[in-house]
Amino acid sequence: MRPWVIGLSALALGGCTTTVSEPGQAVPESNVVPPVACDAARVEAYVGRNGTAVAEEARTAAGARSVRVIAPGQAVTMDFRRDRLNIETDASGTVVRVSCG
């Protein structure tokens, strides 16, 4: 019975190996990291405007897939998403900062 368990364990662990490509070898498309989709520098001009009113326009201008308007003290997730535009506002809803992530 013991050889059977050892053989099964070796077979299961064989699936945990990784492959390293040689220099000059093509990288499979599934391993390619997409380029950064959000550029906050493009939307710096929105600072001083109403955050909710310009959110979708700013998202498009930044090249982001999504946008979130963040009010002071609002709870937000800490996950980093390179394709998301963050619009931080003051208490009156005016944009004070834009960033990607």
PDB file of N, CA and C in Angstrom:
ATOM      1  N   MET A   1       0.824  -1.197   0.000  1.00  0.00           N
ATOM      2  CA  MET A   1       0.000   0.000   0.000  1.00  0.00           C
ATOM      3  C   MET A   1       0.864   1.254   0.000  1.00  0.00           C
ATOM      4  N   ARG A   2       1.962   1.206   0.711  1.00  0.00           N
ATOM      5  CA  ARG A   2       2.827   2.376   0.800  1.00  0.00           C
ATOM      6  C   ARG A   2       3.360   2.829  -0.566  1.00  0.00           C
ATOM      7  N   PRO A   3       3.823   1.940  -1.440  1.00  0.00           N
ATOM      8  CA  PRO A   3       4.295   2.393  -2.756  1.00  0.00           C
ATOM      9  C   PRO A   3       3.185   3.078  -3.560  1.00  0.00           C
ATOM     10  N   TRP A   4       1.969   2.642  -3.410  1.00  0.00           N
ATOM     11  CA  TRP A   4       0.841   3.239  -4.116  1.00  0.00           C
ATOM     12  C   TRP A   4       0.629   4.676  -3.662  1.00  0.00           C
ATOM     13  N   VAL A   5       0.683   4.940  -2.339  1.00  0.00           N
ATOM     14  CA  VAL A   5       0.506   6.278  -1.782  1.00  0.00           C
ATOM     15  C   VAL A   5       1.641   7.187  -2.236  1.00  0.00           C
ATOM     16  N   ILE A   6       2.878   6.675  -2.211  1.00  0.00           N
ATOM     17  CA  ILE A   6       4.032   7.470  -2.629  1.00  0.00           C
ATOM     18  C   ILE A   6       3.924   7.814  -4.111  1.00  0.00           C
ATOM     19  N   GLY A   7       3.523   6.876  -4.915  1.00  0.00           N
ATOM     20  CA  GLY A   7       3.374   7.110  -6.356  1.00  0.00           C
ATOM     21  C   GLY A   7       2.291   8.139  -6.652  1.00  0.00           C
ATOM     22  N   LEU A   8       1.179   8.027  -5.950  1.00  0.00           N
ATOM     23  CA  LEU A   8       0.090   8.981  -6.135  1.00  0.00           C
ATOM     24  C   LEU A   8       0.505  10.380  -5.698  1.00  0.00           C
ATOM     25  N   SER A   9       1.242  10.466  -4.592  1.00  0.00           N
ATOM     26  CA  SER A   9       1.724  11.766  -4.110  1.00  0.00           C
ATOM     27  C   SER A   9       2.686  12.391  -5.119  1.00  0.00           C
ATOM     28  N   ALA A  10       3.574  11.599  -5.675  1.00  0.00           N
ATOM     29  CA  ALA A  10       4.530  12.112  -6.661  1.00  0.00           C
ATOM     30  C   ALA A  10       3.798  12.602  -7.899  1.00  0.00           C
ATOM     31  N   LEU A  11       2.785  11.886  -8.307  1.00  0.00           N
ATOM     32  CA  LEU A  11       2.003  12.283  -9.474  1.00  0.00           C
ATOM     33  C   LEU A  11       1.265  13.597  -9.217  1.00  0.00           C
ATOM     34  N   ALA A  12       0.689  13.730  -8.030  1.00  0.00           N
ATOM     35  CA  ALA A  12      -0.043  14.954  -7.681  1.00  0.00           C
ATOM     36  C   ALA A  12       0.891  16.155  -7.604  1.00  0.00           C
ATOM     37  N   LEU A  13       2.062  15.974  -7.031  1.00  0.00           N
ATOM     38  CA  LEU A  13       3.014  17.085  -6.913  1.00  0.00           C
ATOM     39  C   LEU A  13       3.640  17.443  -8.248  1.00  0.00           C
ATOM     40  N   GLY A  14       3.624  16.546  -9.193  1.00  0.00           N
ATOM     41  CA  GLY A  14       4.170  16.826 -10.528  1.00  0.00           C
ATOM     42  C   GLY A  14       3.433  17.957 -11.215  1.00  0.00           C
ATOM     43  N   GLY A  15       2.169  18.144 -10.879  1.00  0.00           N
ATOM     44  CA  GLY A  15       1.384  19.220 -11.462  1.00  0.00           C
ATOM     45  C   GLY A  15       1.728  20.582 -10.898  1.00  0.00           C
ATOM     46  N   CYS A  16       2.536  20.639  -9.847  1.00  0.00           N
ATOM     47  CA  CYS A  16       2.903  21.903  -9.202  1.00  0.00           C
ATOM     48  C   CYS A  16       4.184  22.493  -9.763  1.00  0.00           C
ATOM     49  N   THR A  17       4.745  21.893 -10.783  1.00  0.00           N
ATOM     50  CA  THR A  17       5.991  22.411 -11.333  1.00  0.00           C
ATOM     51  C   THR A  17       5.728  23.614 -12.220  1.00  0.00           C
ATOM     52  N   THR A  18       6.735  24.441 -12.372  1.00  0.00           N
ATOM     53  CA  THR A  18       6.639  25.593 -13.258  1.00  0.00           C
ATOM     54  C   THR A  18       7.655  25.446 -14.367  1.00  0.00           C
ATOM     55  N   THR A  19       7.390  26.075 -15.474  1.00  0.00           N
ATOM     56  CA  THR A  19       8.327  26.038 -16.583  1.00  0.00           C
ATOM     57  C   THR A  19       8.923  27.423 -16.762  1.00  0.00           C
ATOM     58  N   VAL A  20      10.186  27.445 -17.119  1.00  0.00           N
ATOM     59  CA  VAL A  20      10.890  28.699 -17.351  1.00  0.00           C
ATOM     60  C   VAL A  20      11.285  28.728 -18.815  1.00  0.00           C
ATOM     61  N   SER A  21      10.933  29.809 -19.499  1.00  0.00           N
ATOM     62  CA  SER A  21      11.276  29.893 -20.918  1.00  0.00           C
ATOM     63  C   SER A  21      12.726  30.347 -21.062  1.00  0.00           C
ATOM     64  N   GLU A  22      13.345  29.856 -22.098  1.00  0.00           N
ATOM     65  CA  GLU A  22      14.727  30.211 -22.390  1.00  0.00           C
ATOM     66  C   GLU A  22      14.774  31.621 -22.980  1.00  0.00           C
ATOM     67  N   PRO A  23      15.895  32.328 -22.837  1.00  0.00           N
ATOM     68  CA  PRO A  23      16.006  33.654 -23.437  1.00  0.00           C
ATOM     69  C   PRO A  23      15.763  33.574 -24.947  1.00  0.00           C
ATOM     70  N   GLY A  24      14.996  34.506 -25.462  1.00  0.00           N
ATOM     71  CA  GLY A  24      14.694  34.537 -26.878  1.00  0.00           C
ATOM     72  C   GLY A  24      13.483  33.702 -27.258  1.00  0.00           C
ATOM     73  N   GLN A  25      12.973  32.951 -26.306  1.00  0.00           N
ATOM     74  CA  GLN A  25      11.809  32.111 -26.571  1.00  0.00           C
ATOM     75  C   GLN A  25      10.539  32.940 -26.390  1.00  0.00           C
ATOM     76  N   ALA A  26       9.547  32.720 -27.224  1.00  0.00           N
ATOM     77  CA  ALA A  26       8.295  33.480 -27.143  1.00  0.00           C
ATOM     78  C   ALA A  26       7.544  33.143 -25.865  1.00  0.00           C
ATOM     79  N   VAL A  27       6.935  34.151 -25.268  1.00  0.00           N
ATOM     80  CA  VAL A  27       6.138  33.970 -24.059  1.00  0.00           C
ATOM     81  C   VAL A  27       4.697  33.740 -24.489  1.00  0.00           C
ATOM     82  N   PRO A  28       4.032  32.699 -23.958  1.00  0.00           N
ATOM     83  CA  PRO A  28       2.637  32.470 -24.328  1.00  0.00           C
ATOM     84  C   PRO A  28       1.771  33.671 -23.986  1.00  0.00           C
ATOM     85  N   GLU A  29       0.750  33.942 -24.823  1.00  0.00           N
ATOM     86  CA  GLU A  29      -0.107  35.107 -24.616  1.00  0.00           C
ATOM     87  C   GLU A  29      -0.775  35.105 -23.253  1.00  0.00           C
ATOM     88  N   SER A  30      -1.054  33.943 -22.692  1.00  0.00           N
ATOM     89  CA  SER A  30      -1.725  33.868 -21.402  1.00  0.00           C
ATOM     90  C   SER A  30      -0.837  34.383 -20.272  1.00  0.00           C
ATOM     91  N   ASN A  31       0.476  34.475 -20.502  1.00  0.00           N
ATOM     92  CA  ASN A  31       1.407  34.943 -19.475  1.00  0.00           C
ATOM     93  C   ASN A  31       1.791  36.401 -19.649  1.00  0.00           C
ATOM     94  N   VAL A  32       1.242  37.064 -20.634  1.00  0.00           N
ATOM     95  CA  VAL A  32       1.587  38.457 -20.905  1.00  0.00           C
ATOM     96  C   VAL A  32       0.741  39.362 -20.016  1.00  0.00           C
ATOM     97  N   VAL A  33       1.386  40.275 -19.318  1.00  0.00           N
ATOM     98  CA  VAL A  33       0.691  41.235 -18.471  1.00  0.00           C
ATOM     99  C   VAL A  33       0.193  42.373 -19.351  1.00  0.00           C
ATOM    100  N   PRO A  34      -1.107  42.689 -19.282  1.00  0.00           N
ATOM    101  CA  PRO A  34      -1.613  43.764 -20.133  1.00  0.00           C
ATOM    102  C   PRO A  34      -1.015  45.106 -19.732  1.00  0.00           C
ATOM    103  N   PRO A  35      -0.905  46.021 -20.669  1.00  0.00           N
ATOM    104  CA  PRO A  35      -0.348  47.334 -20.344  1.00  0.00           C
ATOM    105  C   PRO A  35      -1.278  48.090 -19.388  1.00  0.00           C
ATOM    106  N   VAL A  36      -0.711  49.052 -18.715  1.00  0.00           N
ATOM    107  CA  VAL A  36      -1.504  49.861 -17.795  1.00  0.00           C
ATOM    108  C   VAL A  36      -2.574  50.584 -18.597  1.00  0.00           C
ATOM    109  N   ALA A  37      -3.822  50.448 -18.157  1.00  0.00           N
ATOM    110  CA  ALA A  37      -4.931  51.001 -18.920  1.00  0.00           C
ATOM    111  C   ALA A  37      -5.371  52.362 -18.411  1.00  0.00           C
ATOM    112  N   CYS A  38      -4.819  52.835 -17.311  1.00  0.00           N
ATOM    113  CA  CYS A  38      -5.268  54.090 -16.725  1.00  0.00           C
ATOM    114  C   CYS A  38      -4.087  55.055 -16.652  1.00  0.00           C
ATOM    115  N   ASP A  39      -4.318  56.279 -17.081  1.00  0.00           N
ATOM    116  CA  ASP A  39      -3.271  57.304 -17.027  1.00  0.00           C
ATOM    117  C   ASP A  39      -3.855  58.549 -16.352  1.00  0.00           C
ATOM    118  N   ALA A  40      -3.587  58.694 -15.059  1.00  0.00           N
ATOM    119  CA  ALA A  40      -4.150  59.798 -14.278  1.00  0.00           C
ATOM    120  C   ALA A  40      -3.645  61.162 -14.743  1.00  0.00           C
ATOM    121  N   ALA A  41      -2.483  61.204 -15.355  1.00  0.00           N
ATOM    122  CA  ALA A  41      -1.949  62.487 -15.835  1.00  0.00           C
ATOM    123  C   ALA A  41      -2.870  63.126 -16.876  1.00  0.00           C
ATOM    124  N   ARG A  42      -3.601  62.299 -17.597  1.00  0.00           N
ATOM    125  CA  ARG A  42      -4.511  62.815 -18.622  1.00  0.00           C
ATOM    126  C   ARG A  42      -5.721  63.540 -18.033  1.00  0.00           C
ATOM    127  N   VAL A  43      -6.017  63.312 -16.751  1.00  0.00           N
ATOM    128  CA  VAL A  43      -7.237  63.874 -16.163  1.00  0.00           C
ATOM    129  C   VAL A  43      -6.962  64.836 -15.009  1.00  0.00           C
ATOM    130  N   GLU A  44      -5.749  65.311 -14.894  1.00  0.00           N
ATOM    131  CA  GLU A  44      -5.419  66.290 -13.846  1.00  0.00           C
ATOM    132  C   GLU A  44      -6.265  67.549 -13.978  1.00  0.00           C
ATOM    133  N   ALA A  45      -6.698  67.863 -15.183  1.00  0.00           N
ATOM    134  CA  ALA A  45      -7.501  69.065 -15.420  1.00  0.00           C
ATOM    135  C   ALA A  45      -8.876  68.984 -14.765  1.00  0.00           C
ATOM    136  N   TYR A  46      -9.294  67.803 -14.342  1.00  0.00           N
ATOM    137  CA  TYR A  46     -10.599  67.646 -13.702  1.00  0.00           C
ATOM    138  C   TYR A  46     -10.579  68.049 -12.228  1.00  0.00           C
ATOM    139  N   VAL A  47      -9.421  68.275 -11.659  1.00  0.00           N
ATOM    140  CA  VAL A  47      -9.320  68.730 -10.269  1.00  0.00           C
ATOM    141  C   VAL A  47      -9.998  70.094 -10.174  1.00  0.00           C
ATOM    142  N   GLY A  48     -10.879  70.235  -9.187  1.00  0.00           N
ATOM    143  CA  GLY A  48     -11.614  71.475  -9.007  1.00  0.00           C
ATOM    144  C   GLY A  48     -13.034  71.420  -9.553  1.00  0.00           C
ATOM    145  N   ARG A  49     -13.360  70.343 -10.280  1.00  0.00           N
ATOM    146  CA  ARG A  49     -14.708  70.192 -10.827  1.00  0.00           C
ATOM    147  C   ARG A  49     -15.517  69.219  -9.969  1.00  0.00           C
ATOM    148  N   ASN A  50     -16.804  69.100 -10.228  1.00  0.00           N
ATOM    149  CA  ASN A  50     -17.669  68.198  -9.474  1.00  0.00           C
ATOM    150  C   ASN A  50     -17.350  66.754  -9.853  1.00  0.00           C
ATOM    151  N   GLY A  51     -17.006  65.942  -8.858  1.00  0.00           N
ATOM    152  CA  GLY A  51     -16.566  64.565  -9.087  1.00  0.00           C
ATOM    153  C   GLY A  51     -17.582  63.656  -9.741  1.00  0.00           C
ATOM    154  N   THR A  52     -18.819  63.671  -9.267  1.00  0.00           N
ATOM    155  CA  THR A  52     -19.819  62.781  -9.839  1.00  0.00           C
ATOM    156  C   THR A  52     -20.218  63.217 -11.249  1.00  0.00           C
ATOM    157  N   ALA A  53     -20.175  64.509 -11.506  1.00  0.00           N
ATOM    158  CA  ALA A  53     -20.558  65.021 -12.821  1.00  0.00           C
ATOM    159  C   ALA A  53     -19.537  64.661 -13.902  1.00  0.00           C
ATOM    160  N   VAL A  54     -18.271  64.564 -13.541  1.00  0.00           N
ATOM    161  CA  VAL A  54     -17.228  64.319 -14.536  1.00  0.00           C
ATOM    162  C   VAL A  54     -16.670  62.900 -14.488  1.00  0.00           C
ATOM    163  N   ALA A  55     -17.207  62.049 -13.635  1.00  0.00           N
ATOM    164  CA  ALA A  55     -16.644  60.713 -13.427  1.00  0.00           C
ATOM    165  C   ALA A  55     -16.515  59.909 -14.722  1.00  0.00           C
ATOM    166  N   GLU A  56     -17.579  59.777 -15.456  1.00  0.00           N
ATOM    167  CA  GLU A  56     -17.539  58.955 -16.675  1.00  0.00           C
ATOM    168  C   GLU A  56     -16.675  59.595 -17.758  1.00  0.00           C
ATOM    169  N   GLU A  57     -16.742  60.898 -17.884  1.00  0.00           N
ATOM    170  CA  GLU A  57     -15.905  61.607 -18.859  1.00  0.00           C
ATOM    171  C   GLU A  57     -14.425  61.437 -18.507  1.00  0.00           C
ATOM    172  N   ALA A  58     -14.098  61.544 -17.227  1.00  0.00           N
ATOM    173  CA  ALA A  58     -12.709  61.387 -16.780  1.00  0.00           C
ATOM    174  C   ALA A  58     -12.236  59.948 -16.989  1.00  0.00           C
ATOM    175  N   ARG A  59     -13.105  58.971 -16.733  1.00  0.00           N
ATOM    176  CA  ARG A  59     -12.755  57.559 -16.932  1.00  0.00           C
ATOM    177  C   ARG A  59     -12.343  57.332 -18.385  1.00  0.00           C
ATOM    178  N   THR A  60     -13.130  57.841 -19.294  1.00  0.00           N
ATOM    179  CA  THR A  60     -12.837  57.680 -20.712  1.00  0.00           C
ATOM    180  C   THR A  60     -11.527  58.390 -21.075  1.00  0.00           C
ATOM    181  N   ALA A  61     -11.346  59.592 -20.597  1.00  0.00           N
ATOM    182  CA  ALA A  61     -10.138  60.363 -20.899  1.00  0.00           C
ATOM    183  C   ALA A  61      -8.881  59.691 -20.353  1.00  0.00           C
ATOM    184  N   ALA A  62      -8.994  59.038 -19.195  1.00  0.00           N
ATOM    185  CA  ALA A  62      -7.847  58.367 -18.591  1.00  0.00           C
ATOM    186  C   ALA A  62      -7.573  57.016 -19.227  1.00  0.00           C
ATOM    187  N   GLY A  63      -8.526  56.492 -19.982  1.00  0.00           N
ATOM    188  CA  GLY A  63      -8.358  55.173 -20.591  1.00  0.00           C
ATOM    189  C   GLY A  63      -8.620  54.048 -19.615  1.00  0.00           C
ATOM    190  N   ALA A  64      -9.346  54.330 -18.527  1.00  0.00           N
ATOM    191  CA  ALA A  64      -9.613  53.337 -17.486  1.00  0.00           C
ATOM    192  C   ALA A  64     -10.863  52.531 -17.813  1.00  0.00           C
ATOM    193  N   ARG A  65     -10.924  51.316 -17.280  1.00  0.00           N
ATOM    194  CA  ARG A  65     -12.113  50.478 -17.442  1.00  0.00           C
ATOM    195  C   ARG A  65     -13.194  50.839 -16.442  1.00  0.00           C
ATOM    196  N   SER A  66     -12.793  51.290 -15.267  1.00  0.00           N
ATOM    197  CA  SER A  66     -13.774  51.633 -14.239  1.00  0.00           C
ATOM    198  C   SER A  66     -13.331  52.885 -13.499  1.00  0.00           C
ATOM    199  N   VAL A  67     -14.281  53.467 -12.768  1.00  0.00           N
ATOM    200  CA  VAL A  67     -13.995  54.688 -12.013  1.00  0.00           C
ATOM    201  C   VAL A  67     -14.742  54.611 -10.689  1.00  0.00           C
ATOM    202  N   ARG A  68     -14.153  55.168  -9.658  1.00  0.00           N
ATOM    203  CA  ARG A  68     -14.864  55.305  -8.390  1.00  0.00           C
ATOM    204  C   ARG A  68     -14.605  56.692  -7.832  1.00  0.00           C
ATOM    205  N   VAL A  69     -15.683  57.301  -7.357  1.00  0.00           N
ATOM    206  CA  VAL A  69     -15.604  58.620  -6.744  1.00  0.00           C
ATOM    207  C   VAL A  69     -15.568  58.384  -5.243  1.00  0.00           C
ATOM    208  N   ILE A  70     -14.534  58.886  -4.585  1.00  0.00           N
ATOM    209  CA  ILE A  70     -14.309  58.624  -3.166  1.00  0.00           C
ATOM    210  C   ILE A  70     -14.493  59.910  -2.368  1.00  0.00           C
ATOM    211  N   ALA A  71     -15.472  59.893  -1.476  1.00  0.00           N
ATOM    212  CA  ALA A  71     -15.739  61.035  -0.599  1.00  0.00           C
ATOM    213  C   ALA A  71     -14.867  60.930   0.650  1.00  0.00           C
ATOM    214  N   PRO A  72     -14.646  62.033   1.368  1.00  0.00           N
ATOM    215  CA  PRO A  72     -13.846  61.991   2.590  1.00  0.00           C
ATOM    216  C   PRO A  72     -14.454  61.017   3.610  1.00  0.00           C
ATOM    217  N   GLY A  73     -13.624  60.158   4.157  1.00  0.00           N
ATOM    218  CA  GLY A  73     -14.070  59.213   5.174  1.00  0.00           C
ATOM    219  C   GLY A  73     -14.802  57.999   4.629  1.00  0.00           C
ATOM    220  N   GLN A  74     -14.994  57.928   3.325  1.00  0.00           N
ATOM    221  CA  GLN A  74     -15.700  56.791   2.731  1.00  0.00           C
ATOM    222  C   GLN A  74     -14.816  55.557   2.764  1.00  0.00           C
ATOM    223  N   ALA A  75     -15.383  54.417   3.145  1.00  0.00           N
ATOM    224  CA  ALA A  75     -14.642  53.160   3.153  1.00  0.00           C
ATOM    225  C   ALA A  75     -14.485  52.665   1.720  1.00  0.00           C
ATOM    226  N   VAL A  76     -13.276  52.279   1.375  1.00  0.00           N
ATOM    227  CA  VAL A  76     -13.002  51.731   0.043  1.00  0.00           C
ATOM    228  C   VAL A  76     -12.117  50.510   0.188  1.00  0.00           C
ATOM    229  N   THR A  77     -12.171  49.627  -0.804  1.00  0.00           N
ATOM    230  CA  THR A  77     -11.311  48.452  -0.781  1.00  0.00           C
ATOM    231  C   THR A  77      -9.873  48.877  -1.054  1.00  0.00           C
ATOM    232  N   MET A  78      -8.939  48.096  -0.573  1.00  0.00           N
ATOM    233  CA  MET A  78      -7.524  48.417  -0.745  1.00  0.00           C
ATOM    234  C   MET A  78      -6.899  47.627  -1.898  1.00  0.00           C
ATOM    235  N   ASP A  79      -7.727  46.957  -2.705  1.00  0.00           N
ATOM    236  CA  ASP A  79      -7.181  46.202  -3.816  1.00  0.00           C
ATOM    237  C   ASP A  79      -6.670  47.158  -4.893  1.00  0.00           C
ATOM    238  N   PHE A  80      -5.575  46.779  -5.533  1.00  0.00           N
ATOM    239  CA  PHE A  80      -4.990  47.612  -6.572  1.00  0.00           C
ATOM    240  C   PHE A  80      -5.472  47.109  -7.921  1.00  0.00           C
ATOM    241  N   ARG A  81      -6.061  47.992  -8.696  1.00  0.00           N
ATOM    242  CA  ARG A  81      -6.487  47.661 -10.047  1.00  0.00           C
ATOM    243  C   ARG A  81      -5.913  48.696 -10.992  1.00  0.00           C
ATOM    244  N   ARG A  82      -5.011  48.267 -11.829  1.00  0.00           N
ATOM    245  CA  ARG A  82      -4.321  49.192 -12.731  1.00  0.00           C
ATOM    246  C   ARG A  82      -5.242  49.811 -13.768  1.00  0.00           C
ATOM    247  N   ASP A  83      -6.444  49.263 -13.924  1.00  0.00           N
ATOM    248  CA  ASP A  83      -7.375  49.784 -14.921  1.00  0.00           C
ATOM    249  C   ASP A  83      -8.503  50.616 -14.305  1.00  0.00           C
ATOM    250  N   ARG A  84      -8.331  51.042 -13.039  1.00  0.00           N
ATOM    251  CA  ARG A  84      -9.378  51.816 -12.358  1.00  0.00           C
ATOM    252  C   ARG A  84      -8.895  53.231 -12.052  1.00  0.00           C
ATOM    253  N   LEU A  85      -9.765  54.204 -12.316  1.00  0.00           N
ATOM    254  CA  LEU A  85      -9.487  55.599 -11.982  1.00  0.00           C
ATOM    255  C   LEU A  85     -10.165  55.920 -10.654  1.00  0.00           C
ATOM    256  N   ASN A  86      -9.419  56.487  -9.725  1.00  0.00           N
ATOM    257  CA  ASN A  86      -9.956  56.932  -8.441  1.00  0.00           C
ATOM    258  C   ASN A  86     -10.058  58.454  -8.467  1.00  0.00           C
ATOM    259  N   ILE A  87     -11.246  58.947  -8.154  1.00  0.00           N
ATOM    260  CA  ILE A  87     -11.472  60.388  -8.079  1.00  0.00           C
ATOM    261  C   ILE A  87     -11.797  60.708  -6.630  1.00  0.00           C
ATOM    262  N   GLU A  88     -10.888  61.387  -5.947  1.00  0.00           N
ATOM    263  CA  GLU A  88     -11.100  61.760  -4.555  1.00  0.00           C
ATOM    264  C   GLU A  88     -11.687  63.163  -4.496  1.00  0.00           C
ATOM    265  N   THR A  89     -12.725  63.316  -3.667  1.00  0.00           N
ATOM    266  CA  THR A  89     -13.404  64.603  -3.563  1.00  0.00           C
ATOM    267  C   THR A  89     -13.334  65.140  -2.138  1.00  0.00           C
ATOM    268  N   ASP A  90     -13.645  66.425  -1.994  1.00  0.00           N
ATOM    269  CA  ASP A  90     -13.777  67.007  -0.660  1.00  0.00           C
ATOM    270  C   ASP A  90     -15.240  66.874  -0.228  1.00  0.00           C
ATOM    271  N   ALA A  91     -15.588  67.434   0.910  1.00  0.00           N
ATOM    272  CA  ALA A  91     -16.943  67.301   1.454  1.00  0.00           C
ATOM    273  C   ALA A  91     -18.017  67.867   0.534  1.00  0.00           C
ATOM    274  N   SER A  92     -17.658  68.827  -0.304  1.00  0.00           N
ATOM    275  CA  SER A  92     -18.649  69.421  -1.207  1.00  0.00           C
ATOM    276  C   SER A  92     -18.738  68.689  -2.551  1.00  0.00           C
ATOM    277  N   GLY A  93     -17.921  67.646  -2.739  1.00  0.00           N
ATOM    278  CA  GLY A  93     -17.969  66.873  -3.983  1.00  0.00           C
ATOM    279  C   GLY A  93     -17.012  67.352  -5.053  1.00  0.00           C
ATOM    280  N   THR A  94     -16.148  68.297  -4.719  1.00  0.00           N
ATOM    281  CA  THR A  94     -15.173  68.825  -5.674  1.00  0.00           C
ATOM    282  C   THR A  94     -13.951  67.913  -5.729  1.00  0.00           C
ATOM    283  N   VAL A  95     -13.483  67.613  -6.926  1.00  0.00           N
ATOM    284  CA  VAL A  95     -12.311  66.737  -7.107  1.00  0.00           C
ATOM    285  C   VAL A  95     -11.083  67.408  -6.515  1.00  0.00           C
ATOM    286  N   VAL A  96     -10.387  66.684  -5.624  1.00  0.00           N
ATOM    287  CA  VAL A  96      -9.152  67.191  -5.042  1.00  0.00           C
ATOM    288  C   VAL A  96      -7.934  66.381  -5.490  1.00  0.00           C
ATOM    289  N   ARG A  97      -8.174  65.141  -5.992  1.00  0.00           N
ATOM    290  CA  ARG A  97      -7.059  64.290  -6.395  1.00  0.00           C
ATOM    291  C   ARG A  97      -7.578  63.208  -7.323  1.00  0.00           C
ATOM    292  N   VAL A  98      -6.779  62.859  -8.336  1.00  0.00           N
ATOM    293  CA  VAL A  98      -7.079  61.731  -9.218  1.00  0.00           C
ATOM    294  C   VAL A  98      -5.885  60.793  -9.210  1.00  0.00           C
ATOM    295  N   SER A  99      -6.165  59.499  -9.247  1.00  0.00           N
ATOM    296  CA  SER A  99      -5.103  58.513  -9.267  1.00  0.00           C
ATOM    297  C   SER A  99      -5.626  57.227  -9.904  1.00  0.00           C
ATOM    298  N   CYS A 100      -4.715  56.373 -10.273  1.00  0.00           N
ATOM    299  CA  CYS A 100      -5.092  55.071 -10.804  1.00  0.00           C
ATOM    300  C   CYS A 100      -4.744  54.009  -9.773  1.00  0.00           C
ATOM    301  N   GLY A 101      -5.531  52.956  -9.772  1.00  0.00           N
ATOM    302  CA  GLY A 101      -5.219  51.862  -8.848  1.00  0.00           C
ATOM    303  C   GLY A 101      -6.376  51.257  -8.178  1.00  0.00           C
TER     304      GLY A 101
END
